[in-house]
């Protein structure tokens, strides 16, 4: 049955809204899955801030193009559904890899993150990528480490000078000073 123009506009609007929030997506083939099985996948993805959307390929390609994302023809053929990552793509990828292990009807085709396209063989690598917060923390650590080392080096001469002055002061104490301190 053909989709009316109004329905196409509504579907495109949904795709535009979803893609505006998505950090990336895992493309899957869902052929033969029941609604109950799809619901199980959706539930597992909600736990990692993701979603599972069955797409109309032609309209989804238009929405990807409009969103400025890659449009890999090889991934967007056949009955596809996308696992959308509203948080971080690695968590959604891990969840989908687990879903594919649990349900042989799910075929992982690849992933899209902005203009980057990952094949099914690269999904294991995607699942181990650091999250955006982990990447930021690593970058901050890399920036702060040299500054911390420099401050430590600059502090050392002052600490050593204080130690020498304290030792000199302790050595040159007058005996009466020691008696006053003892009292």
Protein backbone atom coordinates (compact mmCIF):
# COMPACT_ATOMS: atom_id res chain seq x y z
CA UNK A 1 0.00 0.00 0.00
CA UNK A 2 1.35 3.40 -1.00
CA UNK A 3 2.05 6.05 1.60
CA UNK A 4 0.29 9.39 1.12
CA UNK A 5 2.28 12.60 0.79
CA UNK A 6 0.98 13.81 4.17
CA UNK A 7 2.14 10.58 5.81
CA UNK A 8 5.58 10.96 4.20
CA UNK A 9 5.87 14.51 5.54
CA UNK A 10 4.91 13.28 9.02
CA UNK A 11 7.42 10.42 8.88
CA UNK A 12 10.18 12.79 7.72
CA UNK A 13 9.37 15.13 10.61
CA UNK A 14 9.76 12.25 13.08
CA UNK A 15 13.07 11.23 11.49
CA UNK A 16 14.33 14.84 11.58
CA UNK A 17 13.47 15.19 15.26
CA UNK A 18 15.05 11.87 16.21
CA UNK A 19 18.22 12.48 14.18
CA UNK A 20 18.65 15.94 15.70
CA UNK A 21 19.05 14.28 19.12
CA UNK A 22 21.04 11.21 18.02
CA UNK A 23 24.81 10.99 18.52
CA UNK A 24 24.96 8.06 16.14
CA UNK A 25 23.20 4.83 15.25
CA UNK A 26 23.68 1.13 14.65
CA UNK A 27 21.95 -0.13 11.50
CA UNK A 28 20.34 -3.55 11.77
CA UNK A 29 18.24 -5.89 9.69
CA UNK A 30 15.22 -7.12 11.61
CA UNK A 31 13.62 -9.52 9.09
CA UNK A 32 11.37 -12.10 10.76
CA UNK A 33 11.25 -10.50 14.21
CA UNK A 34 7.97 -10.35 16.09
CA UNK A 35 6.73 -7.23 17.86
CA UNK A 36 7.49 -8.91 21.18
CA UNK A 37 11.13 -9.41 20.15
CA UNK A 38 11.36 -5.81 18.92
CA UNK A 39 9.95 -4.63 22.26
CA UNK A 40 12.68 -6.55 24.10
CA UNK A 41 15.33 -4.80 21.98
CA UNK A 42 13.69 -1.40 22.58
CA UNK A 43 13.67 -2.01 26.34
CA UNK A 44 17.38 -2.93 26.39
CA UNK A 45 18.20 0.22 24.41
CA UNK A 46 16.16 2.51 26.68
CA UNK A 47 18.40 1.38 29.54
CA UNK A 48 21.43 2.89 27.72
CA UNK A 49 19.64 6.04 26.49
CA UNK A 50 18.87 4.65 23.06
CA UNK A 51 15.94 3.86 20.84
CA UNK A 52 15.01 1.38 18.11
CA UNK A 53 13.28 2.74 15.02
CA UNK A 54 12.03 0.76 12.03
CA UNK A 55 12.59 2.90 8.97
CA UNK A 56 11.33 3.54 5.49
CA UNK A 57 14.66 3.50 3.67
CA UNK A 58 14.03 6.19 1.05
CA UNK A 59 12.64 8.64 3.60
CA UNK A 60 15.34 7.81 6.12
CA UNK A 61 18.05 8.50 3.53
CA UNK A 62 16.51 11.93 2.91
CA UNK A 63 16.44 12.63 6.66
CA UNK A 64 20.09 11.54 7.07
CA UNK A 65 21.11 13.83 4.24
CA UNK A 66 19.15 16.74 5.74
CA UNK A 67 20.76 16.10 9.15
CA UNK A 68 24.23 16.23 7.57
CA UNK A 69 25.00 12.61 8.32
CA UNK A 70 26.54 9.99 6.05
CA UNK A 71 24.12 8.12 3.79
CA UNK A 72 25.74 4.69 3.22
CA UNK A 73 23.70 2.96 0.53
CA UNK A 74 25.19 -0.45 1.42
CA UNK A 75 23.80 -0.26 4.96
CA UNK A 76 20.40 1.16 4.05
CA UNK A 77 18.97 -1.68 1.96
CA UNK A 78 16.36 -4.26 2.89
CA UNK A 79 14.18 -4.18 5.98
CA UNK A 80 16.23 -2.06 8.38
CA UNK A 81 15.83 -0.65 11.83
CA UNK A 82 18.26 1.74 13.48
CA UNK A 83 19.39 1.70 17.08
CA UNK A 84 19.70 5.37 17.92
CA UNK A 85 22.22 6.58 20.48
CA UNK A 86 20.87 9.59 22.34
CA UNK A 87 23.74 9.33 24.82
CA UNK A 88 26.89 7.62 23.69
CA UNK A 89 27.21 5.30 20.69
CA UNK A 90 29.51 2.73 22.36
CA UNK A 91 26.87 1.82 24.97
CA UNK A 92 24.16 1.40 22.33
CA UNK A 93 26.53 -0.65 20.18
CA UNK A 94 27.29 -2.98 23.11
CA UNK A 95 23.57 -3.37 23.81
CA UNK A 96 22.86 -4.20 20.14
CA UNK A 97 25.72 -6.68 19.98
CA UNK A 98 24.23 -8.42 23.02
CA UNK A 99 20.75 -8.35 21.42
CA UNK A 100 22.19 -9.91 18.26
CA UNK A 101 23.73 -12.70 20.36
CA UNK A 102 20.40 -13.28 22.10
CA UNK A 103 18.32 -13.17 18.90
CA UNK A 104 19.75 -14.61 15.67
CA UNK A 105 17.16 -12.68 13.61
CA UNK A 106 18.99 -9.41 14.30
CA UNK A 107 21.73 -8.82 11.75
CA UNK A 108 24.13 -6.00 12.54
CA UNK A 109 24.99 -4.14 9.34
CA UNK A 110 27.13 -1.26 10.60
CA UNK A 111 27.00 2.11 12.31
CA UNK A 112 26.81 5.77 11.43
CA UNK A 113 28.26 8.58 13.54
CA UNK A 114 28.07 11.93 11.77
CA UNK A 115 29.98 11.48 8.52
CA UNK A 116 31.72 8.32 9.76
CA UNK A 117 30.47 4.94 8.60
CA UNK A 118 31.49 1.72 10.34
CA UNK A 119 31.05 -1.75 8.89
CA UNK A 120 29.67 -4.71 10.83
CA UNK A 121 33.25 -5.93 11.33
CA UNK A 122 34.17 -2.60 12.98
CA UNK A 123 31.32 -2.62 15.51
CA UNK A 124 33.47 -4.34 18.14
CA UNK A 125 35.88 -1.41 17.91
CA UNK A 126 32.98 1.08 18.16
CA UNK A 127 31.69 -0.66 21.30
CA UNK A 128 35.05 -0.08 23.04
CA UNK A 129 35.42 3.59 22.07
CA UNK A 130 35.52 5.96 25.03
CA UNK A 131 32.36 7.90 25.76
CA UNK A 132 32.45 11.65 25.22
CA UNK A 133 32.92 12.23 28.97
CA UNK A 134 35.78 9.71 29.13
CA UNK A 135 37.43 11.38 26.13
CA UNK A 136 37.09 14.81 27.78
CA UNK A 137 38.59 13.50 31.04
CA UNK A 138 41.52 11.98 29.15
CA UNK A 139 42.12 15.23 27.28
CA UNK A 140 42.02 17.27 30.49
CA UNK A 141 44.44 14.82 32.13
CA UNK A 142 46.79 15.15 29.17
CA UNK A 143 46.67 18.94 29.39
CA UNK A 144 47.04 19.13 33.19
CA UNK A 145 49.89 16.59 33.59
CA UNK A 146 52.70 18.78 32.14
CA UNK A 147 51.50 21.82 34.12
CA UNK A 148 51.47 19.79 37.34
CA UNK A 149 54.99 18.52 36.64
CA UNK A 150 56.21 22.06 35.94
CA UNK A 151 54.73 23.38 39.18
CA UNK A 152 56.36 20.56 41.10
CA UNK A 153 59.75 21.36 39.54
CA UNK A 154 59.38 25.06 40.31
CA UNK A 155 58.42 24.31 43.90
CA UNK A 156 61.44 22.06 44.64
CA UNK A 157 64.14 24.79 44.96
CA UNK A 158 62.01 26.74 47.45
CA UNK A 159 61.41 23.60 49.53
CA UNK A 160 65.12 22.77 49.51
CA UNK A 161 66.05 26.34 50.48
CA UNK A 162 63.61 26.20 53.40
CA UNK A 163 65.14 22.91 54.55
CA UNK A 164 68.67 24.40 54.47
CA UNK A 165 67.56 27.50 56.37
CA UNK A 166 65.77 25.36 58.99
CA UNK A 167 68.84 23.16 59.44
CA UNK A 168 71.07 26.23 59.78
CA UNK A 169 68.66 27.74 62.30
CA UNK A 170 68.54 24.52 64.34
CA UNK A 171 72.35 24.24 64.34
CA UNK A 172 72.95 27.79 65.49
CA UNK A 173 70.50 27.85 68.39
CA UNK A 174 72.00 29.28 71.55
CA UNK A 175 71.96 27.01 74.63
CA UNK A 176 69.79 29.56 76.46
CA UNK A 177 67.30 29.45 73.55
CA UNK A 178 67.02 25.69 74.08
CA UNK A 179 66.41 26.19 77.82
CA UNK A 180 63.67 28.76 77.15
CA UNK A 181 62.02 26.39 74.69
CA UNK A 182 62.18 23.51 77.23
CA UNK A 183 60.40 25.55 79.90
